[in-house]
N, C-alpha and C. Protein backbone atom coordinates (compact mmCIF):
# COMPACT_ATOMS: atom_id res chain seq x y z
N MET A 1 114.70 41.22 138.79
CA MET A 1 114.12 42.55 138.89
C MET A 1 114.04 43.01 140.35
N ARG A 2 113.72 42.07 141.26
CA ARG A 2 113.61 42.42 142.67
C ARG A 2 114.95 42.93 143.22
N VAL A 3 116.06 42.31 142.81
CA VAL A 3 117.38 42.74 143.26
C VAL A 3 117.68 44.14 142.76
N PHE A 4 117.36 44.42 141.50
CA PHE A 4 117.59 45.76 140.95
C PHE A 4 116.75 46.78 141.69
N ALA A 5 115.49 46.43 142.01
CA ALA A 5 114.63 47.36 142.74
C ALA A 5 115.22 47.66 144.11
N GLY A 6 115.76 46.64 144.80
CA GLY A 6 116.40 46.86 146.10
C GLY A 6 117.60 47.77 145.98
N ALA A 7 118.40 47.58 144.93
CA ALA A 7 119.57 48.43 144.72
C ALA A 7 119.13 49.86 144.43
N LEU A 8 118.08 50.01 143.66
CA LEU A 8 117.59 51.34 143.32
C LEU A 8 117.05 52.05 144.57
N LEU A 9 116.29 51.33 145.40
CA LEU A 9 115.78 51.93 146.63
C LEU A 9 116.93 52.35 147.54
N ALA A 10 117.93 51.51 147.67
CA ALA A 10 119.08 51.87 148.51
C ALA A 10 119.82 53.06 147.94
N LEU A 11 119.86 53.16 146.63
CA LEU A 11 120.54 54.29 145.99
C LEU A 11 119.89 55.61 146.36
N PHE A 12 118.55 55.60 146.46
CA PHE A 12 117.83 56.83 146.77
C PHE A 12 117.59 57.03 148.27
N ALA A 13 118.00 56.06 149.08
CA ALA A 13 117.79 56.17 150.53
C ALA A 13 118.63 57.31 151.09
N THR A 14 118.09 57.95 152.09
CA THR A 14 118.83 59.01 152.77
C THR A 14 118.67 58.83 154.26
N GLY A 15 119.39 59.57 155.02
CA GLY A 15 119.25 59.53 156.47
C GLY A 15 120.17 58.51 157.10
N PRO A 16 119.92 58.18 158.38
CA PRO A 16 120.84 57.36 159.15
C PRO A 16 120.85 55.89 158.76
N ASP A 17 119.92 55.41 157.94
CA ASP A 17 119.89 53.99 157.59
C ASP A 17 120.96 53.61 156.58
N LEU A 18 121.53 54.54 155.90
CA LEU A 18 122.47 54.22 154.83
C LEU A 18 123.86 54.67 155.21
N ALA A 19 124.78 53.72 155.23
CA ALA A 19 126.19 54.05 155.45
C ALA A 19 126.92 53.67 154.19
N GLY A 20 127.80 54.51 153.70
CA GLY A 20 128.48 54.14 152.48
C GLY A 20 129.69 54.99 152.21
N ALA A 21 130.51 54.48 151.33
CA ALA A 21 131.69 55.19 150.87
C ALA A 21 132.04 54.61 149.52
N GLY A 22 132.30 55.47 148.59
CA GLY A 22 132.65 54.95 147.27
C GLY A 22 131.47 54.28 146.61
N SER A 23 131.66 53.05 146.16
CA SER A 23 130.64 52.38 145.38
C SER A 23 129.88 51.32 146.16
N LEU A 24 130.02 51.25 147.46
CA LEU A 24 129.29 50.30 148.30
C LEU A 24 128.49 51.03 149.36
N ALA A 25 127.37 50.43 149.75
CA ALA A 25 126.56 50.98 150.83
C ALA A 25 125.92 49.83 151.59
N VAL A 26 125.48 50.11 152.82
CA VAL A 26 124.90 49.10 153.69
C VAL A 26 123.64 49.63 154.34
N THR A 27 122.59 48.82 154.38
CA THR A 27 121.43 49.08 155.22
C THR A 27 121.32 47.92 156.19
N LEU A 28 120.76 48.16 157.39
CA LEU A 28 120.73 47.12 158.42
C LEU A 28 119.44 47.20 159.21
N ASP A 29 118.90 46.02 159.54
CA ASP A 29 117.72 45.91 160.38
C ASP A 29 117.94 44.76 161.35
N ALA A 30 117.45 44.87 162.58
CA ALA A 30 117.57 43.80 163.57
C ALA A 30 116.25 43.70 164.33
N HIS A 31 115.83 42.48 164.58
CA HIS A 31 114.60 42.26 165.34
C HIS A 31 114.68 40.94 166.10
N PRO A 32 113.92 40.82 167.20
CA PRO A 32 113.94 39.59 167.98
C PRO A 32 113.44 38.41 167.16
N ALA A 33 114.08 37.26 167.32
CA ALA A 33 113.62 36.04 166.66
C ALA A 33 112.37 35.53 167.40
N PRO A 34 111.43 34.97 166.67
CA PRO A 34 110.22 34.47 167.33
C PRO A 34 110.54 33.35 168.32
N LYS A 35 109.89 33.40 169.48
CA LYS A 35 110.00 32.36 170.51
C LYS A 35 111.44 32.04 170.91
N SER A 36 112.27 33.07 171.00
CA SER A 36 113.68 32.85 171.29
C SER A 36 114.28 34.09 171.93
N CYS A 37 115.44 33.93 172.55
CA CYS A 37 116.18 35.07 173.09
C CYS A 37 117.08 35.68 172.01
N ALA A 38 117.17 35.03 170.88
CA ALA A 38 118.07 35.46 169.80
C ALA A 38 117.53 36.68 169.07
N VAL A 39 118.45 37.34 168.38
CA VAL A 39 118.12 38.48 167.52
C VAL A 39 118.59 38.15 166.11
N VAL A 40 117.76 38.46 165.14
CA VAL A 40 118.11 38.24 163.74
C VAL A 40 118.46 39.59 163.13
N SER A 41 119.65 39.69 162.57
CA SER A 41 120.09 40.91 161.89
C SER A 41 120.16 40.63 160.40
N THR A 42 119.57 41.52 159.62
CA THR A 42 119.61 41.38 158.17
C THR A 42 120.19 42.65 157.59
N ALA A 43 121.24 42.51 156.79
CA ALA A 43 121.87 43.65 156.15
C ALA A 43 121.78 43.49 154.64
N THR A 44 121.66 44.60 153.96
CA THR A 44 121.71 44.61 152.50
C THR A 44 122.95 45.39 152.09
N ILE A 45 123.78 44.74 151.31
CA ILE A 45 124.99 45.36 150.78
C ILE A 45 124.71 45.70 149.33
N VAL A 46 124.91 46.96 148.99
CA VAL A 46 124.62 47.43 147.64
C VAL A 46 125.92 47.84 146.96
N ALA A 47 126.11 47.33 145.76
CA ALA A 47 127.24 47.75 144.93
C ALA A 47 126.67 48.62 143.83
N TYR A 48 126.94 49.92 143.89
CA TYR A 48 126.39 50.85 142.90
C TYR A 48 127.05 50.70 141.54
N ASP A 49 128.34 50.70 141.51
CA ASP A 49 129.08 50.65 140.25
C ASP A 49 129.72 49.27 140.14
N ALA A 50 128.88 48.27 139.90
CA ALA A 50 129.35 46.89 139.87
C ALA A 50 129.60 46.44 138.43
N THR A 51 130.44 47.17 137.73
CA THR A 51 130.71 46.80 136.33
C THR A 51 131.83 45.78 136.21
N THR A 52 132.54 45.53 137.31
CA THR A 52 133.54 44.48 137.32
C THR A 52 133.24 43.55 138.50
N ALA A 53 133.55 42.30 138.33
CA ALA A 53 133.30 41.32 139.39
C ALA A 53 134.16 41.67 140.61
N ARG A 54 133.60 41.47 141.80
CA ARG A 54 134.35 41.72 143.02
C ARG A 54 133.78 40.89 144.15
N GLU A 55 134.61 40.67 145.15
CA GLU A 55 134.19 39.97 146.35
C GLU A 55 134.18 40.97 147.51
N VAL A 56 133.16 40.87 148.34
CA VAL A 56 133.03 41.74 149.49
C VAL A 56 133.09 40.88 150.75
N ALA A 57 133.95 41.25 151.69
CA ALA A 57 134.05 40.56 152.97
C ALA A 57 133.36 41.43 154.02
N TYR A 58 132.58 40.79 154.90
CA TYR A 58 131.80 41.53 155.89
C TYR A 58 131.73 40.73 157.19
N ARG A 59 131.34 41.43 158.27
CA ARG A 59 131.06 40.76 159.54
C ARG A 59 130.09 41.62 160.33
N PHE A 60 129.32 40.99 161.19
CA PHE A 60 128.42 41.69 162.10
C PHE A 60 129.19 41.96 163.39
N VAL A 61 129.16 43.20 163.86
CA VAL A 61 129.85 43.61 165.09
C VAL A 61 128.76 43.91 166.12
N ARG A 62 128.96 43.40 167.34
CA ARG A 62 127.91 43.44 168.34
C ARG A 62 128.34 44.18 169.62
N SER A 63 127.37 44.68 170.35
CA SER A 63 127.62 45.47 171.56
C SER A 63 128.33 44.69 172.66
N ASP A 64 128.23 43.37 172.66
CA ASP A 64 128.87 42.59 173.73
C ASP A 64 130.33 42.28 173.42
N GLY A 65 130.87 42.91 172.38
CA GLY A 65 132.28 42.73 172.03
C GLY A 65 132.55 41.57 171.09
N THR A 66 131.52 40.84 170.71
CA THR A 66 131.70 39.74 169.78
C THR A 66 131.45 40.19 168.35
N SER A 67 131.87 39.38 167.41
CA SER A 67 131.54 39.62 166.01
C SER A 67 131.33 38.27 165.34
N SER A 68 130.60 38.29 164.27
CA SER A 68 130.35 37.06 163.52
C SER A 68 131.61 36.67 162.76
N PRO A 69 131.69 35.43 162.31
CA PRO A 69 132.79 35.09 161.41
C PRO A 69 132.71 35.96 160.16
N THR A 70 133.83 36.21 159.53
CA THR A 70 133.83 37.02 158.31
C THR A 70 133.18 36.22 157.18
N GLY A 71 132.18 36.83 156.57
CA GLY A 71 131.49 36.21 155.44
C GLY A 71 131.95 36.87 154.15
N ARG A 72 131.65 36.23 153.04
CA ARG A 72 132.02 36.78 151.73
C ARG A 72 130.86 36.62 150.76
N ILE A 73 130.64 37.65 149.97
CA ILE A 73 129.67 37.57 148.89
C ILE A 73 130.33 38.08 147.62
N ALA A 74 129.88 37.57 146.50
CA ALA A 74 130.47 37.97 145.22
C ALA A 74 129.46 38.76 144.41
N PHE A 75 129.92 39.84 143.82
CA PHE A 75 129.13 40.62 142.87
C PHE A 75 129.69 40.29 141.49
N SER A 76 128.81 39.97 140.56
CA SER A 76 129.25 39.43 139.27
C SER A 76 129.67 40.49 138.26
N GLY A 77 129.41 41.75 138.51
CA GLY A 77 129.80 42.79 137.57
C GLY A 77 128.73 43.11 136.54
N GLU A 78 127.47 42.84 136.89
CA GLU A 78 126.37 43.07 135.95
C GLU A 78 125.56 44.31 136.30
N GLY A 79 126.19 45.33 136.84
CA GLY A 79 125.49 46.57 137.16
C GLY A 79 125.17 46.67 138.64
N ALA A 80 124.35 47.67 139.00
CA ALA A 80 123.99 47.89 140.40
C ALA A 80 123.24 46.69 140.95
N VAL A 81 123.71 46.18 142.06
CA VAL A 81 123.14 44.96 142.64
C VAL A 81 123.09 45.09 144.15
N ALA A 82 122.06 44.50 144.75
CA ALA A 82 121.95 44.42 146.21
C ALA A 82 121.88 42.95 146.61
N GLN A 83 122.61 42.61 147.68
CA GLN A 83 122.57 41.26 148.22
C GLN A 83 122.35 41.34 149.72
N SER A 84 121.52 40.44 150.25
CA SER A 84 121.25 40.43 151.69
C SER A 84 122.06 39.35 152.38
N VAL A 85 122.47 39.66 153.60
CA VAL A 85 123.19 38.72 154.46
C VAL A 85 122.50 38.74 155.82
N ARG A 86 122.65 37.65 156.57
CA ARG A 86 121.90 37.51 157.82
C ARG A 86 122.78 36.94 158.92
N ASP A 87 122.47 37.33 160.16
CA ASP A 87 123.19 36.83 161.32
C ASP A 87 122.19 36.66 162.46
N THR A 88 122.41 35.65 163.29
CA THR A 88 121.58 35.43 164.47
C THR A 88 122.51 35.34 165.68
N TRP A 89 122.16 36.06 166.75
CA TRP A 89 122.96 36.04 167.97
C TRP A 89 122.08 36.35 169.17
N THR A 90 122.58 36.05 170.35
CA THR A 90 121.87 36.33 171.58
C THR A 90 122.60 37.45 172.31
N PRO A 91 121.96 38.62 172.45
CA PRO A 91 122.61 39.76 173.11
C PRO A 91 122.93 39.47 174.57
N ARG A 92 124.02 40.01 175.02
CA ARG A 92 124.43 39.90 176.42
C ARG A 92 124.66 41.32 176.94
N GLY A 93 123.94 41.67 177.96
CA GLY A 93 124.08 43.01 178.51
C GLY A 93 123.18 44.02 177.82
N THR A 94 123.16 45.20 178.37
CA THR A 94 122.37 46.27 177.80
C THR A 94 123.20 47.53 177.75
N PRO A 95 122.98 48.46 176.94
CA PRO A 95 122.05 48.39 175.82
C PRO A 95 122.66 47.57 174.67
N ALA A 96 121.87 46.74 174.08
CA ALA A 96 122.34 45.89 172.99
C ALA A 96 122.20 46.60 171.65
N TRP A 97 123.20 46.40 170.79
CA TRP A 97 123.17 46.95 169.43
C TRP A 97 123.98 46.04 168.51
N VAL A 98 123.79 46.22 167.22
CA VAL A 98 124.54 45.47 166.20
C VAL A 98 124.82 46.43 165.05
N SER A 99 125.94 46.20 164.36
CA SER A 99 126.22 46.95 163.13
C SER A 99 126.91 46.00 162.17
N LEU A 100 126.93 46.35 160.91
CA LEU A 100 127.60 45.53 159.90
C LEU A 100 128.84 46.28 159.44
N GLU A 101 129.94 45.57 159.38
CA GLU A 101 131.19 46.16 158.92
C GLU A 101 131.65 45.43 157.66
N ILE A 102 131.83 46.20 156.60
CA ILE A 102 132.47 45.65 155.41
C ILE A 102 133.96 45.82 155.63
N VAL A 103 134.71 44.74 155.53
CA VAL A 103 136.15 44.80 155.80
C VAL A 103 136.98 44.83 154.53
N ALA A 104 136.41 44.43 153.38
CA ALA A 104 137.13 44.49 152.11
C ALA A 104 136.10 44.51 150.98
N PRO A 105 136.31 45.21 149.93
CA PRO A 105 137.55 45.84 149.48
C PRO A 105 137.80 47.22 150.08
N GLN A 106 136.82 47.75 150.83
CA GLN A 106 137.00 49.02 151.53
C GLN A 106 136.30 48.87 152.87
N ARG A 107 136.68 49.68 153.85
CA ARG A 107 136.06 49.60 155.17
C ARG A 107 134.86 50.53 155.24
N ILE A 108 133.72 49.93 155.59
CA ILE A 108 132.48 50.69 155.81
C ILE A 108 131.82 50.06 157.02
N ARG A 109 131.32 50.87 157.94
CA ARG A 109 130.55 50.34 159.05
C ARG A 109 129.20 51.03 159.06
N SER A 110 128.14 50.24 159.17
CA SER A 110 126.80 50.80 159.21
C SER A 110 126.58 51.48 160.56
N ARG A 111 125.48 52.17 160.67
CA ARG A 111 125.11 52.75 161.96
C ARG A 111 124.78 51.60 162.90
N ARG A 112 124.84 51.86 164.19
CA ARG A 112 124.45 50.88 165.18
C ARG A 112 122.93 50.81 165.26
N VAL A 113 122.41 49.60 165.25
CA VAL A 113 120.97 49.41 165.36
C VAL A 113 120.69 48.85 166.75
N ALA A 114 119.87 49.56 167.51
CA ALA A 114 119.50 49.11 168.86
C ALA A 114 118.67 47.84 168.75
N VAL A 115 118.90 46.92 169.69
CA VAL A 115 118.22 45.64 169.68
C VAL A 115 117.42 45.50 170.96
N ALA A 116 116.15 45.22 170.84
CA ALA A 116 115.29 45.00 172.00
C ALA A 116 115.11 43.49 172.16
N SER A 117 115.79 42.92 173.13
CA SER A 117 115.68 41.48 173.38
C SER A 117 114.40 41.20 174.16
N ARG A 118 113.78 40.08 173.88
CA ARG A 118 112.55 39.70 174.58
C ARG A 118 112.85 38.94 175.87
N CYS A 119 114.09 38.62 176.13
CA CYS A 119 114.45 37.77 177.27
C CYS A 119 114.92 38.61 178.45
N ALA A 120 114.53 38.15 179.62
CA ALA A 120 115.05 38.78 180.83
C ALA A 120 116.50 38.39 180.98
N ARG A 121 117.26 39.20 181.66
CA ARG A 121 118.70 38.97 181.82
C ARG A 121 119.00 37.60 182.44
N ARG A 122 118.24 37.19 183.44
CA ARG A 122 118.49 35.89 184.08
C ARG A 122 118.16 34.74 183.14
N MET A 123 117.20 34.94 182.24
CA MET A 123 116.85 33.90 181.27
C MET A 123 117.99 33.68 180.28
N ILE A 124 118.63 34.76 179.84
CA ILE A 124 119.77 34.65 178.92
C ILE A 124 120.92 33.91 179.60
N ALA A 125 121.18 34.24 180.86
CA ALA A 125 122.27 33.57 181.58
C ALA A 125 121.98 32.09 181.74
N ALA A 126 120.73 31.71 181.90
CA ALA A 126 120.37 30.31 182.10
C ALA A 126 120.52 29.48 180.82
N THR A 127 120.53 30.13 179.68
CA THR A 127 120.63 29.39 178.42
C THR A 127 122.05 29.03 178.08
N HIS A 128 123.03 29.49 178.88
CA HIS A 128 124.44 29.21 178.54
C HIS A 128 125.17 28.56 179.67
């Protein structure tokens, strides 16, 4: 029931938080990880018309020119469904942002979410 409620909320969402095309949509949130220089990004991928099974390939795209490895999630074809995916990274440079890109079965990129890192620039350099 919780997954259906998430899909329903995303269905009615409006404004800059929702990026979508066709039968898929994405919402994204990013926040600093506790006691760390890292940032945790959480995206929800919603399949509105999920009457047939499908696989969705996605990746997190970041302001420093890096991206996460391509991940895959499967929708079973049991109606509107939302699934969450997560990424952790350490921003380099400013201004830092992250977005989620669905690469298959269709291309969708979420809006860029600004990231406020808790670490000073010299602290980030010292960790690598």
